[in-house]
Amino acid sequence: MSSFTSASGLNDPLLTPGRLPSRSNSGVGRMARAKNPSALDLLLFESMGDLRKSAADADESTVRKVEEAVSVDALGVKYMRCANEPDKLLEYVAEQVEVSPWSVLFSETRRASVLAFPQALKSIGKCVVISLLAFVTSVLLEKEADEALSRIDGTVSAGLFFLLGPYVGLSVARWWQMRLDLVGGVWGAVADLNFYAAVFFNSGSVADREARALNLRYGLAAHALLYLGARGNDNLDELVEDGLLLPEEAAALDGLPSKSQMVFQWVAEFWTKALDPDSDFATTRSPHVFFIAPAVLKRCMDARGAAGGALALVYTQLPFPYVHLLSLLVEVACVVNAICSGAHTGYVLSEPTCTGNAVPSSAHRFRYEIQEGCPPALMVYSFAATGMIIAGWLITAVSYPIIYHGLLSIGIMVSNPLGEHFIDLPGQFYSQVMRAECKGFHASRDACETWWKACRNPAATFKRPARPASESAASGAREEMSERSRRVYGVAGAGAATPRP
């Protein structure tokens, strides 16, 4: 089972692959109705507040799978356990994270914390060791050496602050663009196309049901292919197994670039035929085809552009020299700070501190040469003062790599929002939400059929008010002009087409 199996809800008939019936074989392609919703169906309904309605038709094992699929830690962070990919973070409570940031380290969500990033942890360990060595060897330093180290630390830190901030800001902006404009653009276009399918293919015939199913299946397939393409995965066998693609469709996509864009070309081809009055499709014909076709094809092009833009963003990285310089500066800054903080702390605690009437010797002495009456400050300062100095040293040695390597790692982690990391976009969950929205369009359109019978049934109790005489006269004039235009242009409505010869 692939990572998109449960999310696509393939036990639902709308996603079962089938051939769109033509006028000559309108009975072909009926799809079997599934008995139970999938586990992630219920998961989505839970997130939408509709779990109670769907659970009535689910058995005990399915409900148990829902509980296993979504986990909530002590901080209220929700994450999804996925089949063939790492778990995905779904939602967190920002206020709770602000109040108890250290609690993250003791929960499952620590995987999303900076303190769990491998490079940050390695840098922390390395800096602590280097700082300890600098502390021990500080007895060999002179005052001028300590000042030189401080100047180097300040210079490197200033350059790093100047470069690292914009890098992280740009990386987060790219992540948001991916979610809002690109993945969101694909999502919105798929939703619009299914909205159109719900409105136009509304007769309940086999052809109309298959047309709706085809739009939904292709939309979910394009969304799944978007993630596979961003991860460099060209294997379509799992999508065929899940029913998002037919074997012949997968074969047609094999070897093609940007496969999600190709699917939207299929969608555009379908709508071109479905809206063609001379097509052999048995779908319901729209009376406004000349106005509908441009809007529908525009949404197909929008979806294709968003899918292509998403892959372009993933594979167009920030300039290598910029990222390399940042990585080099982060490494140097952490090491220099570790040396500087350790050496300075050792220098302060090894400073000869005279007691009583003793005076320091005027002759040059190394720090390890203890003179009578002037022991090191470590032996003179109070326990509290010494403890605060050492604590400040260790905090500095640890916080530097947390801040700098953490920010650098965040920028790198979000460079591919469609990847497989815990903090990347939860494509499996999005597929399920997308599916529920599209099915909602179908269901709501079919449900409203009974709401306005009074508007078109002459036997209904509701009667349209009589028109004023002036309005009736104007209406008659419009009908006369419409009839005249029909004779001249060959279609209803003046100016709708070029006059026929």
Protein backbone atom coordinates (compact mmCIF):
# COMPACT_ATOMS: atom_id res chain seq x y z
CA MET A 1 0.00 0.00 0.00
CA SER A 2 1.47 3.37 -0.95
CA SER A 3 1.45 6.51 1.10
CA PHE A 4 -1.55 7.79 -0.86
CA THR A 5 -3.70 4.67 -0.56
CA SER A 6 -5.69 5.52 2.51
CA ALA A 7 -5.71 9.22 1.76
CA SER A 8 -7.38 8.73 -1.57
CA GLY A 9 -10.20 6.66 -0.13
CA LEU A 10 -10.18 4.13 -2.92
CA ASN A 11 -12.94 2.03 -1.45
CA ASP A 12 -15.22 4.81 -2.58
CA PRO A 13 -16.86 4.26 -5.96
CA LEU A 14 -16.00 7.73 -7.18
CA LEU A 15 -12.35 6.72 -7.27
CA THR A 16 -12.72 3.31 -8.85
CA PRO A 17 -11.20 3.47 -12.34
CA GLY A 18 -13.73 3.12 -15.09
CA ARG A 19 -14.21 4.01 -18.73
CA LEU A 20 -16.40 6.98 -19.51
CA PRO A 21 -19.44 5.63 -21.38
CA SER A 22 -20.09 6.88 -24.88
CA ARG A 23 -23.52 7.27 -26.39
CA SER A 24 -23.25 3.78 -27.86
CA ASN A 25 -22.21 2.01 -24.64
CA SER A 26 -23.73 4.04 -21.85
CA GLY A 27 -24.20 0.93 -19.70
CA VAL A 28 -20.47 0.20 -19.50
CA GLY A 29 -18.34 1.15 -16.57
CA ARG A 30 -20.58 0.82 -13.54
CA MET A 31 -18.61 0.87 -10.34
CA ALA A 32 -19.07 -1.25 -7.25
CA ARG A 33 -20.22 0.45 -4.08
CA ALA A 34 -17.90 -0.09 -1.10
CA LYS A 35 -19.33 -1.14 2.25
CA ASN A 36 -17.17 0.77 4.71
CA PRO A 37 -15.25 4.04 4.63
CA SER A 38 -11.49 3.94 4.94
CA ALA A 39 -9.67 4.75 8.16
CA LEU A 40 -8.48 8.08 6.87
CA ASP A 41 -11.99 8.88 5.67
CA LEU A 42 -12.98 8.83 9.31
CA LEU A 43 -9.84 10.71 10.21
CA LEU A 44 -10.82 13.55 7.93
CA PHE A 45 -14.36 13.61 9.24
CA GLU A 46 -12.94 13.78 12.74
CA SER A 47 -10.90 16.83 11.78
CA MET A 48 -14.03 18.39 10.28
CA GLY A 49 -16.23 17.60 13.24
CA ASP A 50 -18.22 14.93 11.35
CA LEU A 51 -16.79 11.77 12.88
CA ARG A 52 -20.08 10.87 14.55
CA LYS A 53 -21.95 10.74 11.24
CA SER A 54 -19.43 8.49 9.50
CA ALA A 55 -18.70 6.25 12.47
CA ALA A 56 -22.28 4.99 12.34
CA ASP A 57 -21.41 3.06 9.18
CA ALA A 58 -17.95 1.96 10.28
CA ASP A 59 -17.08 -1.22 12.13
CA GLU A 60 -15.02 -1.39 15.30
CA SER A 61 -11.78 -2.24 13.53
CA THR A 62 -12.02 0.79 11.26
CA VAL A 63 -12.53 3.11 14.20
CA ARG A 64 -9.52 1.53 15.86
CA LYS A 65 -7.45 2.26 12.75
CA VAL A 66 -8.48 5.91 12.99
CA GLU A 67 -7.16 6.08 16.53
CA GLU A 68 -3.90 4.53 15.37
CA ALA A 69 -3.55 6.86 12.37
CA VAL A 70 -3.73 10.13 14.30
CA SER A 71 -1.80 10.75 17.48
CA VAL A 72 -1.96 13.70 19.85
CA ASP A 73 0.86 14.35 22.29
CA ALA A 74 0.77 16.13 25.64
CA LEU A 75 1.08 19.54 23.96
CA GLY A 76 -1.95 18.91 21.76
CA VAL A 77 0.19 18.43 18.65
CA LYS A 78 -1.54 16.24 16.06
CA TYR A 79 0.45 14.12 13.67
CA MET A 80 -0.43 11.36 11.25
CA ARG A 81 1.20 7.96 11.20
CA CYS A 82 1.72 7.07 7.55
CA ALA A 83 2.21 3.69 5.91
CA ASN A 84 5.28 3.96 3.66
CA GLU A 85 6.66 7.34 4.62
CA PRO A 86 7.63 9.15 7.83
CA ASP A 87 4.88 10.52 10.04
CA LYS A 88 3.61 14.00 9.24
CA LEU A 89 2.90 16.92 11.53
CA LEU A 90 -0.70 18.09 11.10
CA GLU A 91 -1.47 20.74 13.68
CA TYR A 92 -0.08 22.28 16.84
CA VAL A 93 -1.27 24.80 19.40
CA ALA A 94 1.09 27.78 19.19
CA GLU A 95 0.07 29.09 22.61
CA GLN A 96 0.92 25.78 24.24
CA VAL A 97 4.31 25.66 22.55
CA GLU A 98 4.99 29.19 23.77
CA VAL A 99 4.05 28.34 27.35
CA SER A 100 5.88 25.00 27.55
CA PRO A 101 8.66 24.94 24.93
CA TRP A 102 10.79 22.48 26.89
CA SER A 103 7.93 20.00 27.06
CA VAL A 104 8.46 19.29 23.36
CA LEU A 105 11.68 17.48 24.22
CA PHE A 106 9.73 14.90 26.20
CA SER A 107 7.02 14.22 23.60
CA GLU A 108 6.75 12.62 20.19
CA THR A 109 6.91 16.06 18.61
CA ARG A 110 10.60 16.41 19.49
CA ARG A 111 11.21 15.07 15.97
CA ALA A 112 10.15 18.49 14.68
CA SER A 113 12.31 20.39 17.18
CA VAL A 114 15.59 22.04 16.27
CA LEU A 115 17.19 19.98 19.02
CA ALA A 116 16.42 16.84 17.03
CA PHE A 117 18.15 18.02 13.85
CA PRO A 118 21.26 15.84 13.36
CA GLN A 119 23.61 18.65 12.38
CA ALA A 120 22.58 20.77 15.35
CA LEU A 121 23.18 17.89 17.76
CA LYS A 122 26.57 17.11 16.24
CA SER A 123 27.55 20.75 16.40
CA ILE A 124 26.52 20.98 20.06
CA GLY A 125 28.66 17.99 21.01
CA LYS A 126 31.63 19.22 18.99
CA CYS A 127 31.46 22.74 20.41
CA VAL A 128 31.25 21.50 24.00
CA VAL A 129 34.38 19.37 23.52
CA ILE A 130 36.28 22.21 21.83
CA SER A 131 35.23 24.64 24.53
CA LEU A 132 36.43 22.27 27.28
CA LEU A 133 39.81 21.97 25.58
CA ALA A 134 40.02 25.76 25.30
CA PHE A 135 39.13 26.06 29.00
CA VAL A 136 41.93 23.69 29.99
CA THR A 137 44.55 25.35 27.79
CA SER A 138 43.54 28.87 28.81
CA VAL A 139 46.29 28.88 31.46
CA LEU A 140 48.73 29.29 28.57
CA LEU A 141 46.99 32.37 27.17
CA GLU A 142 47.87 35.99 27.62
CA LYS A 143 45.46 38.90 27.86
CA GLU A 144 46.16 39.93 24.26
CA ALA A 145 45.25 36.45 23.00
CA ASP A 146 41.92 36.57 24.80
CA GLU A 147 41.16 39.96 23.24
CA ALA A 148 42.11 38.71 19.76
CA LEU A 149 39.76 35.75 20.07
CA SER A 150 36.95 38.08 21.13
CA ARG A 151 37.49 40.27 18.06
CA ILE A 152 37.41 37.27 15.73
CA ASP A 153 34.22 36.02 17.36
CA GLY A 154 32.53 39.41 16.94
CA THR A 155 33.53 39.72 13.28
CA VAL A 156 32.31 36.25 12.28
CA SER A 157 29.07 36.64 14.23
CA ALA A 158 28.30 39.99 12.60
CA GLY A 159 28.73 38.56 9.10
CA LEU A 160 26.65 35.54 9.96
CA PHE A 161 23.77 37.59 11.34
CA PHE A 162 23.78 39.63 8.12
CA LEU A 163 23.50 36.55 5.88
CA LEU A 164 21.60 33.96 7.91
CA GLY A 165 18.49 36.02 8.66
CA PRO A 166 17.57 36.72 5.01
CA TYR A 167 18.31 33.09 4.11
CA VAL A 168 15.86 31.71 6.64
CA GLY A 169 13.28 34.35 5.72
CA LEU A 170 13.57 33.49 2.03
CA SER A 171 13.35 29.75 2.73
CA VAL A 172 10.18 30.18 4.79
CA ALA A 173 8.73 32.46 2.10
CA ARG A 174 9.37 29.77 -0.52
CA TRP A 175 7.71 27.21 1.76
CA TRP A 176 4.64 29.41 2.12
CA GLN A 177 4.54 30.06 -1.62
CA MET A 178 4.59 26.32 -2.20
CA ARG A 179 1.70 25.74 0.17
CA LEU A 180 -0.47 28.73 -0.74
CA ASP A 181 0.14 29.33 -4.44
CA LEU A 182 1.45 26.07 -5.89
CA VAL A 183 0.03 23.14 -3.93
CA GLY A 184 -2.89 25.41 -3.10
CA GLY A 185 -3.19 26.30 -6.78
CA VAL A 186 -3.42 22.64 -7.78
CA TRP A 187 -5.87 22.00 -4.97
CA GLY A 188 -8.05 24.96 -5.90
CA ALA A 189 -8.12 24.03 -9.58
CA VAL A 190 -9.02 20.41 -8.81
CA ALA A 191 -11.80 21.63 -6.54
CA ASP A 192 -13.11 24.01 -9.21
CA LEU A 193 -13.10 21.32 -11.90
CA ASN A 194 -15.01 18.97 -9.64
CA PHE A 195 -17.35 21.85 -8.81
CA TYR A 196 -18.05 22.24 -12.52
CA ALA A 197 -18.49 18.47 -12.88
CA ALA A 198 -21.00 18.46 -10.03
CA VAL A 199 -23.00 21.27 -11.62
CA PHE A 200 -22.99 20.08 -15.24
CA PHE A 201 -23.03 16.28 -14.90
CA ASN A 202 -26.10 16.16 -12.70
CA SER A 203 -28.52 13.73 -14.33
CA GLY A 204 -27.48 10.72 -12.25
CA SER A 205 -26.79 8.69 -15.40
CA VAL A 206 -23.88 6.28 -15.63
CA ALA A 207 -22.05 8.67 -17.94
CA ASP A 208 -22.44 11.60 -15.56
CA ARG A 209 -21.35 9.54 -12.57
CA GLU A 210 -18.32 8.32 -14.47
CA ALA A 211 -17.50 11.87 -15.56
CA ARG A 212 -17.53 13.04 -11.96
CA ALA A 213 -15.43 10.05 -10.91
CA LEU A 214 -12.90 10.68 -13.66
CA ASN A 215 -12.41 14.31 -12.66
CA LEU A 216 -11.92 13.34 -9.03
CA ARG A 217 -9.56 10.46 -9.81
CA TYR A 218 -7.42 12.53 -12.15
CA GLY A 219 -7.27 15.38 -9.64
CA LEU A 220 -6.09 13.10 -6.85
CA ALA A 221 -3.65 11.37 -9.20
CA ALA A 222 -2.11 14.69 -10.24
CA HIS A 223 -1.78 15.71 -6.59
CA ALA A 224 -0.08 12.41 -5.71
CA LEU A 225 2.23 12.64 -8.72
CA LEU A 226 3.27 16.10 -7.59
CA TYR A 227 4.77 14.69 -4.39
CA LEU A 228 6.35 11.74 -6.17
CA GLY A 229 7.95 14.06 -8.70
CA ALA A 230 9.33 16.34 -6.00
CA ARG A 231 10.91 13.30 -4.32
CA GLY A 232 12.42 11.99 -7.55
CA ASN A 233 10.24 8.88 -7.51
CA ASP A 234 9.14 7.68 -10.97
CA ASN A 235 7.55 4.42 -9.83
CA LEU A 236 3.84 4.51 -10.63
CA ASP A 237 3.03 0.93 -9.66
CA GLU A 238 1.61 1.96 -6.31
CA LEU A 239 -0.70 4.52 -7.89
CA VAL A 240 -1.96 1.80 -10.21
CA GLU A 241 -2.45 -0.50 -7.25
CA ASP A 242 -4.35 2.24 -5.44
CA GLY A 243 -6.57 2.82 -8.47
CA LEU A 244 -5.56 6.41 -9.05
CA LEU A 245 -4.15 5.43 -12.45
CA LEU A 246 -5.11 2.74 -14.91
CA PRO A 247 -2.27 0.50 -16.16
CA GLU A 248 -2.44 2.04 -19.63
CA GLU A 249 -2.36 5.53 -18.10
CA ALA A 250 0.73 4.67 -16.06
CA ALA A 251 2.36 3.26 -19.20
CA ALA A 252 1.58 6.48 -21.07
CA LEU A 253 3.18 8.54 -18.28
CA ASP A 254 6.26 6.35 -18.05
CA GLY A 255 9.31 8.32 -19.13
CA LEU A 256 7.48 11.65 -19.34
CA PRO A 257 8.67 14.62 -17.27
CA SER A 258 6.48 16.44 -14.78
CA LYS A 259 3.82 13.76 -14.80
CA SER A 260 1.31 15.78 -12.79
CA GLN A 261 1.16 18.32 -15.64
CA MET A 262 0.43 15.54 -18.12
CA VAL A 263 -2.58 14.45 -16.10
CA PHE A 264 -4.05 17.94 -16.32
CA GLN A 265 -3.63 17.71 -20.09
CA TRP A 266 -5.87 14.63 -19.91
CA VAL A 267 -8.36 16.59 -17.85
CA ALA A 268 -8.41 19.37 -20.44
CA GLU A 269 -8.91 16.80 -23.20
CA PHE A 270 -11.80 15.24 -21.30
CA TRP A 271 -13.55 18.58 -20.85
CA THR A 272 -12.98 19.46 -24.49
CA LYS A 273 -14.85 16.33 -25.52
CA ALA A 274 -17.48 16.55 -22.80
CA LEU A 275 -18.40 20.11 -23.79
CA ASP A 276 -18.34 19.40 -27.52
CA PRO A 277 -21.95 19.20 -28.78
CA ASP A 278 -20.83 16.73 -31.48
CA SER A 279 -18.97 14.42 -29.09
CA ASP A 280 -20.12 10.82 -28.60
CA PHE A 281 -19.96 11.25 -24.82
CA ALA A 282 -23.25 10.47 -23.12
CA THR A 283 -22.74 13.14 -20.48
CA THR A 284 -25.27 15.88 -19.90
CA ARG A 285 -24.80 18.79 -22.29
CA SER A 286 -24.53 22.28 -20.90
CA PRO A 287 -26.67 24.98 -22.52
CA HIS A 288 -23.93 27.57 -21.94
CA VAL A 289 -21.01 25.73 -23.50
CA PHE A 290 -19.58 28.80 -25.27
CA PHE A 291 -19.23 30.60 -21.95
CA ILE A 292 -18.24 27.58 -19.85
CA ALA A 293 -15.47 26.14 -22.00
CA PRO A 294 -13.01 29.04 -21.60
CA ALA A 295 -13.45 29.09 -17.82
CA VAL A 296 -13.00 25.32 -17.48
CA LEU A 297 -9.94 25.18 -19.72
CA LYS A 298 -8.49 28.17 -17.88
CA ARG A 299 -8.66 26.21 -14.62
CA CYS A 300 -6.94 23.25 -16.32
CA MET A 301 -4.14 25.57 -17.39
CA ASP A 302 -3.96 27.10 -13.92
CA ALA A 303 -3.56 23.66 -12.40
CA ARG A 304 -0.88 22.73 -14.91
CA GLY A 305 0.99 25.95 -14.18
CA ALA A 306 0.81 25.44 -10.43
CA ALA A 307 2.08 21.86 -10.74
CA GLY A 308 4.95 22.95 -12.96
CA GLY A 309 5.74 25.84 -10.65
CA ALA A 310 5.87 23.53 -7.64
CA LEU A 311 8.45 21.29 -9.29
CA ALA A 312 10.36 24.32 -10.54
CA LEU A 313 10.59 25.66 -7.00
CA VAL A 314 11.80 22.30 -5.66
CA TYR A 315 14.47 21.88 -8.31
CA THR A 316 15.55 25.52 -8.46
CA GLN A 317 17.61 25.81 -5.32
CA LEU A 318 19.13 28.92 -3.85
CA PRO A 319 22.56 29.74 -5.31
CA PHE A 320 25.20 27.27 -4.19
CA PRO A 321 27.86 29.88 -3.26
CA TYR A 322 25.37 31.58 -0.96
CA VAL A 323 24.42 28.39 0.88
CA HIS A 324 28.04 27.21 0.99
CA LEU A 325 29.20 30.50 2.48
CA LEU A 326 26.46 30.31 5.08
CA SER A 327 27.39 26.75 6.01
CA LEU A 328 31.05 27.71 6.26
CA LEU A 329 30.31 30.76 8.40
CA VAL A 330 28.04 28.76 10.71
CA GLU A 331 30.74 26.14 11.20
CA VAL A 332 33.46 28.73 11.80
CA ALA A 333 31.27 30.87 14.07
CA CYS A 334 30.34 27.92 16.30
CA VAL A 335 33.95 26.74 16.61
CA VAL A 336 35.31 30.24 17.23
CA ASN A 337 32.63 30.93 19.83
CA ALA A 338 33.38 27.62 21.56
CA ILE A 339 37.10 28.46 21.71
CA CYS A 340 36.46 32.04 22.77
CA SER A 341 33.95 31.21 25.50
CA GLY A 342 36.05 28.36 26.91
CA ALA A 343 39.30 30.31 26.80
CA HIS A 344 37.75 33.44 28.29
CA THR A 345 36.12 31.50 31.13
CA GLY A 346 39.38 29.71 31.87
CA TYR A 347 41.26 33.00 31.68
CA VAL A 348 38.91 34.64 34.19
CA LEU A 349 38.96 31.74 36.64
CA SER A 350 42.75 31.37 36.43
CA GLU A 351 43.37 35.09 37.02
CA PRO A 352 45.73 35.51 40.04
CA THR A 353 43.66 37.03 42.84
CA CYS A 354 45.71 38.28 45.74
CA THR A 355 44.38 38.09 49.27
CA GLY A 356 45.45 39.97 52.39
CA ASN A 357 48.55 42.10 51.88
CA ALA A 358 49.91 40.05 49.00
CA VAL A 359 50.65 41.82 45.73
CA PRO A 360 51.08 40.24 42.30
CA SER A 361 54.61 39.78 41.09
CA SER A 362 55.86 42.33 38.60
CA ALA A 363 57.73 39.65 36.70
CA HIS A 364 56.01 37.77 33.92
CA ARG A 365 54.38 34.57 35.02
CA PHE A 366 52.18 32.04 33.26
CA ARG A 367 48.78 31.35 34.70
CA TYR A 368 49.78 27.87 35.79
CA GLU A 369 52.60 29.33 37.90
CA ILE A 370 50.78 29.98 41.16
CA GLN A 371 52.47 32.61 43.34
CA GLU A 372 52.18 32.77 47.08
CA GLY A 373 49.27 34.85 48.37
CA CYS A 374 47.71 35.17 44.88
CA PRO A 375 45.82 31.96 44.08
CA PRO A 376 43.62 31.62 40.97
CA ALA A 377 40.22 33.29 41.11
CA LEU A 378 38.63 29.85 41.03
CA MET A 379 39.93 29.28 44.56
CA VAL A 380 38.93 32.74 45.81
CA TYR A 381 35.51 33.39 44.32
CA SER A 382 32.43 32.13 46.11
CA PHE A 383 30.80 28.93 45.00
CA ALA A 384 27.82 30.86 43.63
CA ALA A 385 29.99 33.25 41.62
CA THR A 386 32.08 30.43 40.19
CA GLY A 387 28.95 28.43 39.35
CA MET A 388 27.38 31.34 37.50
CA ILE A 389 30.55 31.89 35.46
CA ILE A 390 30.73 28.22 34.49
CA ALA A 391 26.99 28.08 33.75
CA GLY A 392 27.27 31.12 31.49
CA TRP A 393 30.16 29.50 29.66
CA LEU A 394 28.30 26.24 29.03
CA ILE A 395 25.09 28.02 27.99
CA THR A 396 27.05 30.11 25.50
CA ALA A 397 28.85 27.06 24.12
CA VAL A 398 25.54 25.20 23.65
CA SER A 399 23.27 28.04 22.53
CA TYR A 400 25.45 29.13 19.63
CA PRO A 401 25.12 25.89 17.64
CA ILE A 402 21.44 25.65 18.60
CA ILE A 403 20.76 29.09 17.16
CA TYR A 404 23.00 29.08 14.10
CA HIS A 405 22.92 25.43 13.08
CA GLY A 406 19.23 25.34 14.00
CA LEU A 407 18.38 28.25 11.71
CA LEU A 408 20.53 26.84 8.92
CA SER A 409 18.88 23.43 9.32
CA ILE A 410 15.41 25.00 9.23
CA GLY A 411 16.23 26.70 5.94
CA ILE A 412 17.51 23.44 4.49
CA MET A 413 14.62 21.35 5.85
CA VAL A 414 11.94 23.56 4.28
CA SER A 415 13.75 23.83 0.94
CA ASN A 416 11.61 20.92 -0.34
CA PRO A 417 8.17 21.19 1.30
CA LEU A 418 6.99 18.14 -0.66
CA GLY A 419 9.63 15.85 0.85
CA GLU A 420 9.38 13.04 3.36
CA HIS A 421 10.48 14.81 6.54
CA PHE A 422 8.19 15.03 9.55
CA ILE A 423 7.71 18.78 9.05
CA ASP A 424 7.04 18.63 5.29
CA LEU A 425 3.56 19.15 3.90
CA PRO A 426 1.24 16.23 4.75
CA GLY A 427 0.28 15.25 1.22
CA GLN A 428 -1.61 12.18 2.38
CA PHE A 429 -3.87 14.27 4.58
CA TYR A 430 -4.34 16.89 1.88
CA SER A 431 -5.46 14.19 -0.55
CA GLN A 432 -8.12 13.11 1.87
CA VAL A 433 -9.35 16.66 2.48
CA MET A 434 -9.38 17.32 -1.25
CA ARG A 435 -11.37 14.17 -1.86
CA ALA A 436 -13.91 15.08 0.81
CA GLU A 437 -14.35 18.57 -0.64
CA CYS A 438 -14.92 17.28 -4.15
CA LYS A 439 -17.36 14.64 -2.99
CA GLY A 440 -19.07 17.36 -1.01
CA PHE A 441 -19.63 19.33 -4.22
CA HIS A 442 -21.22 16.27 -5.82
CA ALA A 443 -23.42 15.51 -2.83
CA SER A 444 -24.53 19.10 -2.23
CA ARG A 445 -25.46 19.56 -5.90
CA ASP A 446 -27.53 16.39 -5.89
CA ALA A 447 -29.19 17.28 -2.59
CA CYS A 448 -30.33 20.73 -3.69
CA GLU A 449 -32.30 19.28 -6.59
CA THR A 450 -35.39 19.04 -4.40
CA TRP A 451 -35.12 22.49 -2.86
CA TRP A 452 -36.46 24.60 -5.69
CA LYS A 453 -39.16 22.47 -7.22
CA ALA A 454 -41.57 25.28 -6.54
CA CYS A 455 -39.56 27.49 -8.88
CA ARG A 456 -40.23 25.31 -11.92
CA ASN A 457 -43.25 23.11 -11.12
CA PRO A 458 -46.49 24.72 -12.35
CA ALA A 459 -48.54 22.66 -9.88
CA ALA A 460 -46.60 23.97 -6.89
CA THR A 461 -48.21 26.28 -4.39
CA PHE A 462 -45.65 28.93 -5.14
CA LYS A 463 -46.58 31.18 -8.05
CA ARG A 464 -44.41 33.79 -9.68
CA PRO A 465 -45.86 37.31 -9.23
CA ALA A 466 -47.40 38.87 -12.32
CA ARG A 467 -45.12 41.23 -14.27
CA PRO A 468 -45.99 44.88 -14.67
CA ALA A 469 -47.20 45.88 -18.11
CA SER A 470 -44.05 47.87 -18.86
CA GLU A 471 -41.83 44.91 -17.97
CA SER A 472 -43.93 42.56 -20.12
CA ALA A 473 -43.57 44.89 -23.09
CA ALA A 474 -39.81 45.09 -22.60
CA SER A 475 -39.63 41.31 -22.35
CA GLY A 476 -41.53 40.93 -25.61
CA ALA A 477 -39.12 43.30 -27.34
CA ARG A 478 -36.15 41.30 -26.06
CA GLU A 479 -37.69 38.05 -27.32
CA GLU A 480 -38.26 39.59 -30.73
CA MET A 481 -34.61 40.74 -30.90
CA SER A 482 -33.45 37.31 -29.78
CA GLU A 483 -35.47 35.61 -32.53
CA ARG A 484 -34.06 38.01 -35.11
CA SER A 485 -30.51 37.29 -33.89
CA ARG A 486 -31.18 33.57 -34.06
CA ARG A 487 -32.10 33.85 -37.71
CA VAL A 488 -29.06 36.01 -38.52
CA TYR A 489 -26.33 34.34 -36.44
CA GLY A 490 -27.61 30.83 -36.16
CA VAL A 491 -27.51 30.87 -32.33
CA ALA A 492 -29.55 32.40 -29.53
CA GLY A 493 -28.45 35.84 -28.50
CA ALA A 494 -27.25 38.78 -30.56
CA GLY A 495 -23.56 38.90 -31.36
CA ALA A 496 -22.92 35.34 -30.15
CA ALA A 497 -21.30 34.16 -33.36
CA THR A 498 -20.10 35.26 -36.79
CA PRO A 499 -22.96 35.57 -39.33
CA ARG A 500 -23.30 32.48 -41.41
CA PRO A 501 -22.98 32.76 -45.22
